Amino acid sequence: MIQNIPFVALLIIGITILVTINGFKNEGFFLKYHFLINKIKAGEYYRLITSGFLHVSSTHILFNMVTFYFFVNIVVNGIGDFPFLVLYFGSLLAGNIFAYLFHNNNQYYTAVGASGAVTGVLFSALLLYPSIELMLFFIPIPVPGYLFGIGYMIYTLYGMKAQNDQIGHTAHFGGAIGGILITILFVPKVIYSSQLMLGILSFTVFIAGILIYRSHQNRL
């Protein structure tokens, strides 16, 4: 229920909604703070954070905030309020930095959304509670967390390679890495309790590294 959401989570949701609405109404505001490779290269590093509070549509923000809502209690209860803030913003930064590195040669690559941070929260929850089961919209039966993690990573890697949609797969991937590494920082015991999930991440990081290398080689 909404009254059980931690204050830090309500604060993030509230600020994200207000900033997103302002972006809807004010194109100049949106363009000043969204993620854009050539502007970040020019030194506007604040976009790595501010872009995470902007969204392109009501559906976009609704999906991110609903996902955030379902997993935030698990993470805050597992690591605490301040570590949660570190995790949220660290995952947001990790996602956008990864997107920046992956799309570095595309001067006009642009993106917005909290999905990198939200993916970090999601994977932190899977790491803290590896036996968790998820109910997905299109699958009416509980799915084990580790299976979801495998499927999500495969889908993300495919999206990074294909680049045939408007989804920020690179930010999702970087956010997942950030969420897991920061969770390990604050709760080291998950290294032993969630070895399968860590194995999945290690394998997909290796594959992502190959994709990045090949992508840059092809552009030389």
Protein backbone atom coordinates (compact mmCIF):
# COMPACT_ATOMS: atom_id res chain seq x y z
CA MET A 1 0.00 0.00 0.00
CA ILE A 2 1.12 3.57 -0.62
CA GLN A 3 1.49 4.36 3.10
CA ASN A 4 4.16 1.66 3.34
CA ILE A 5 6.41 3.24 0.73
CA PRO A 6 9.55 4.71 2.36
CA PHE A 7 9.79 8.49 2.40
CA VAL A 8 12.90 8.49 0.20
CA ALA A 9 10.94 6.57 -2.45
CA LEU A 10 7.98 8.96 -2.27
CA LEU A 11 10.42 11.84 -2.65
CA ILE A 12 11.95 10.32 -5.79
CA ILE A 13 8.53 9.58 -7.29
CA GLY A 14 7.28 13.10 -6.52
CA ILE A 15 10.32 14.87 -7.98
CA THR A 16 10.29 12.65 -11.07
CA ILE A 17 6.62 13.38 -11.74
CA LEU A 18 7.08 17.15 -11.29
CA VAL A 19 10.18 17.30 -13.52
CA THR A 20 8.56 15.10 -16.17
CA ILE A 21 5.41 17.24 -16.29
CA ASN A 22 7.53 20.37 -16.64
CA GLY A 23 9.36 18.66 -19.50
CA PHE A 24 6.03 17.92 -21.18
CA LYS A 25 5.02 21.58 -20.98
CA ASN A 26 8.37 23.25 -21.65
CA GLU A 27 10.39 22.01 -24.63
CA GLY A 28 13.31 24.29 -23.76
CA PHE A 29 13.51 22.75 -20.29
CA PHE A 30 13.38 19.24 -21.78
CA LEU A 31 16.13 19.97 -24.31
CA LYS A 32 18.36 21.55 -21.66
CA TYR A 33 18.31 18.54 -19.34
CA HIS A 34 17.86 15.44 -21.52
CA PHE A 35 20.68 13.00 -22.37
CA LEU A 36 22.48 14.05 -25.55
CA ILE A 37 25.95 12.74 -26.44
CA ASN A 38 27.40 15.87 -28.02
CA LYS A 39 26.25 18.09 -25.14
CA ILE A 40 27.74 15.73 -22.56
CA LYS A 41 31.01 15.69 -24.51
CA ALA A 42 30.94 19.48 -24.35
CA GLY A 43 30.98 19.27 -20.54
CA GLU A 44 27.29 19.25 -19.61
CA TYR A 45 27.72 16.24 -17.33
CA TYR A 46 24.68 17.14 -15.26
CA ARG A 47 22.60 15.56 -18.05
CA LEU A 48 23.77 12.14 -16.81
CA ILE A 49 21.54 12.74 -13.76
CA THR A 50 18.85 15.16 -14.90
CA SER A 51 17.81 13.01 -17.87
CA GLY A 52 16.71 10.36 -15.38
CA PHE A 53 13.88 12.61 -14.20
CA LEU A 54 12.48 13.30 -17.67
CA HIS A 55 10.20 11.03 -19.72
CA VAL A 56 8.75 11.17 -23.21
CA SER A 57 5.16 10.20 -22.35
CA SER A 58 2.76 9.41 -19.53
CA THR A 59 3.04 5.70 -20.41
CA HIS A 60 6.83 5.90 -20.13
CA ILE A 61 6.82 7.41 -16.64
CA LEU A 62 3.94 5.21 -15.48
CA PHE A 63 5.78 2.02 -16.41
CA ASN A 64 8.97 3.16 -14.65
CA MET A 65 7.25 4.34 -11.49
CA VAL A 66 5.01 1.26 -11.20
CA THR A 67 8.05 -1.02 -11.50
CA PHE A 68 9.85 1.14 -8.94
CA TYR A 69 6.83 0.94 -6.62
CA PHE A 70 6.80 -2.87 -6.64
CA PHE A 71 10.46 -3.32 -5.70
CA VAL A 72 11.47 -0.29 -3.66
CA ASN A 73 10.30 -1.67 -0.30
CA ILE A 74 12.33 -4.84 -0.79
CA VAL A 75 15.51 -2.88 -1.44
CA VAL A 76 15.06 -0.26 1.28
CA ASN A 77 14.29 -2.94 3.84
CA GLY A 78 17.35 -4.87 2.69
CA ILE A 79 19.96 -2.11 2.68
CA GLY A 80 18.48 0.98 4.41
CA ASP A 81 17.47 4.50 3.35
CA PHE A 82 20.84 6.13 2.66
CA PRO A 83 22.34 3.11 0.87
CA PHE A 84 19.16 3.01 -1.21
CA LEU A 85 19.73 6.60 -2.37
CA VAL A 86 23.32 5.70 -3.25
CA LEU A 87 22.02 2.70 -5.18
CA TYR A 88 19.33 4.64 -7.04
CA PHE A 89 21.57 7.47 -8.20
CA GLY A 90 24.54 5.16 -8.69
CA SER A 91 22.45 2.92 -10.97
CA LEU A 92 21.17 5.96 -12.85
CA LEU A 93 24.74 7.14 -13.41
CA ALA A 94 25.97 3.66 -14.32
CA GLY A 95 23.21 3.26 -16.89
CA ASN A 96 23.84 6.62 -18.51
CA ILE A 97 27.64 6.26 -18.47
CA PHE A 98 27.31 2.84 -20.11
CA ALA A 99 24.96 4.34 -22.73
CA TYR A 100 27.45 7.17 -23.28
CA LEU A 101 30.31 4.71 -23.86
CA PHE A 102 28.26 2.41 -26.08
CA HIS A 103 26.87 5.20 -28.28
CA ASN A 104 29.92 7.45 -28.06
CA ASN A 105 30.36 7.71 -31.83
CA ASN A 106 26.75 8.80 -32.35
CA GLN A 107 26.91 12.51 -31.57
CA TYR A 108 23.12 12.88 -31.63
CA TYR A 109 22.14 9.86 -29.56
CA THR A 110 19.53 11.02 -27.08
CA ALA A 111 17.60 9.41 -24.23
CA VAL A 112 15.54 10.16 -21.14
CA GLY A 113 13.95 8.15 -18.35
CA ALA A 114 14.50 6.63 -14.93
CA SER A 115 14.75 3.10 -16.31
CA GLY A 116 18.48 2.73 -15.60
CA ALA A 117 17.91 3.54 -11.93
CA VAL A 118 14.74 1.44 -11.77
CA THR A 119 16.55 -1.53 -13.34
CA GLY A 120 19.22 -1.16 -10.67
CA VAL A 121 16.52 -1.32 -7.99
CA LEU A 122 14.96 -4.37 -9.66
CA PHE A 123 18.22 -6.32 -9.86
CA SER A 124 19.14 -5.32 -6.33
CA ALA A 125 15.86 -6.90 -5.20
CA LEU A 126 16.65 -10.07 -7.18
CA LEU A 127 20.08 -10.21 -5.58
CA LEU A 128 18.80 -9.63 -2.05
CA TYR A 129 15.99 -12.19 -2.45
CA PRO A 130 17.05 -14.67 -5.17
CA SER A 131 14.07 -16.93 -4.41
CA ILE A 132 11.56 -14.17 -5.18
CA GLU A 133 8.86 -14.95 -7.75
CA LEU A 134 7.51 -12.35 -10.15
CA MET A 135 4.11 -12.04 -11.77
CA LEU A 136 4.52 -10.60 -15.26
CA PHE A 137 1.71 -8.93 -17.21
CA PHE A 138 1.93 -11.37 -20.13
CA ILE A 139 2.59 -14.54 -18.07
CA PRO A 140 -0.20 -15.36 -15.58
CA ILE A 141 2.00 -17.64 -13.45
CA PRO A 142 4.84 -16.79 -11.01
CA VAL A 143 8.28 -16.66 -12.64
CA PRO A 144 11.38 -17.39 -10.47
CA GLY A 145 13.60 -14.34 -10.12
CA TYR A 146 16.66 -16.01 -11.60
CA LEU A 147 14.70 -16.99 -14.74
CA PHE A 148 13.47 -13.44 -15.09
CA GLY A 149 17.07 -12.22 -14.70
CA ILE A 150 18.25 -14.55 -17.47
CA GLY A 151 15.41 -13.55 -19.80
CA TYR A 152 15.83 -9.85 -19.10
CA MET A 153 19.56 -9.92 -19.78
CA ILE A 154 19.14 -11.90 -23.01
CA TYR A 155 16.48 -9.45 -24.20
CA THR A 156 18.68 -6.48 -23.25
CA LEU A 157 21.73 -7.85 -25.07
CA TYR A 158 19.60 -8.52 -28.15
CA GLY A 159 18.23 -4.97 -28.01
CA MET A 160 21.74 -3.52 -27.67
CA LYS A 161 22.89 -5.44 -30.74
CA ALA A 162 19.81 -4.89 -32.91
CA GLN A 163 19.15 -1.23 -31.99
CA ASN A 164 15.84 -1.44 -33.83
CA ASP A 165 13.53 0.14 -31.25
CA GLN A 166 13.30 3.24 -29.07
CA ILE A 167 14.16 1.46 -25.81
CA GLY A 168 17.32 2.44 -23.90
CA HIS A 169 18.72 -1.07 -23.55
CA THR A 170 22.21 0.17 -22.78
CA ALA A 171 20.96 2.25 -19.84
CA HIS A 172 19.04 -0.77 -18.55
CA PHE A 173 22.13 -2.95 -18.76
CA GLY A 174 24.38 -0.41 -17.06
CA GLY A 175 21.76 0.23 -14.39
CA ALA A 176 21.52 -3.50 -13.63
CA ILE A 177 25.30 -3.68 -13.20
CA GLY A 178 25.28 -0.61 -10.97
CA GLY A 179 22.45 -1.96 -8.82
CA ILE A 180 24.16 -5.29 -8.27
CA LEU A 181 27.62 -3.86 -7.53
CA ILE A 182 26.25 -1.30 -5.06
CA THR A 183 24.15 -3.98 -3.36
CA ILE A 184 27.29 -6.09 -2.94
CA LEU A 185 29.06 -3.04 -1.48
CA PHE A 186 26.45 -2.63 1.25
CA VAL A 187 25.46 -6.30 1.72
CA PRO A 188 28.56 -8.41 0.90
CA LYS A 189 26.87 -11.65 2.00
CA VAL A 190 24.84 -11.70 -1.24
CA ILE A 191 28.01 -12.92 -2.95
CA TYR A 192 27.36 -16.27 -1.29
CA SER A 193 23.57 -16.27 -1.25
CA SER A 194 23.03 -15.22 -4.89
CA GLN A 195 25.76 -16.95 -6.84
CA LEU A 196 23.48 -17.88 -9.76
CA MET A 197 22.37 -14.29 -10.31
CA LEU A 198 25.97 -13.09 -10.10
CA GLY A 199 26.99 -15.76 -12.60
CA ILE A 200 24.30 -14.56 -15.02
CA LEU A 201 25.53 -10.98 -14.67
CA SER A 202 29.19 -11.94 -15.17
CA PHE A 203 28.36 -13.82 -18.37
CA THR A 204 26.25 -11.01 -19.80
CA VAL A 205 28.91 -8.40 -18.93
CA PHE A 206 31.39 -10.49 -20.92
CA ILE A 207 29.01 -10.69 -23.90
CA ALA A 208 28.29 -6.94 -23.65
CA GLY A 209 32.03 -6.24 -23.71
CA ILE A 210 32.32 -8.21 -26.96
CA LEU A 211 29.38 -6.28 -28.45
CA ILE A 212 30.92 -2.94 -27.51
CA TYR A 213 34.31 -3.94 -28.93
CA ARG A 214 32.82 -5.14 -32.21
CA SER A 215 30.60 -2.08 -32.47
CA HIS A 216 33.57 0.27 -32.15
CA GLN A 217 35.72 -1.82 -34.48
CA ASN A 218 33.06 -1.63 -37.18
CA ARG A 219 33.02 2.14 -36.94
CA LEU A 220 36.79 2.57 -37.32
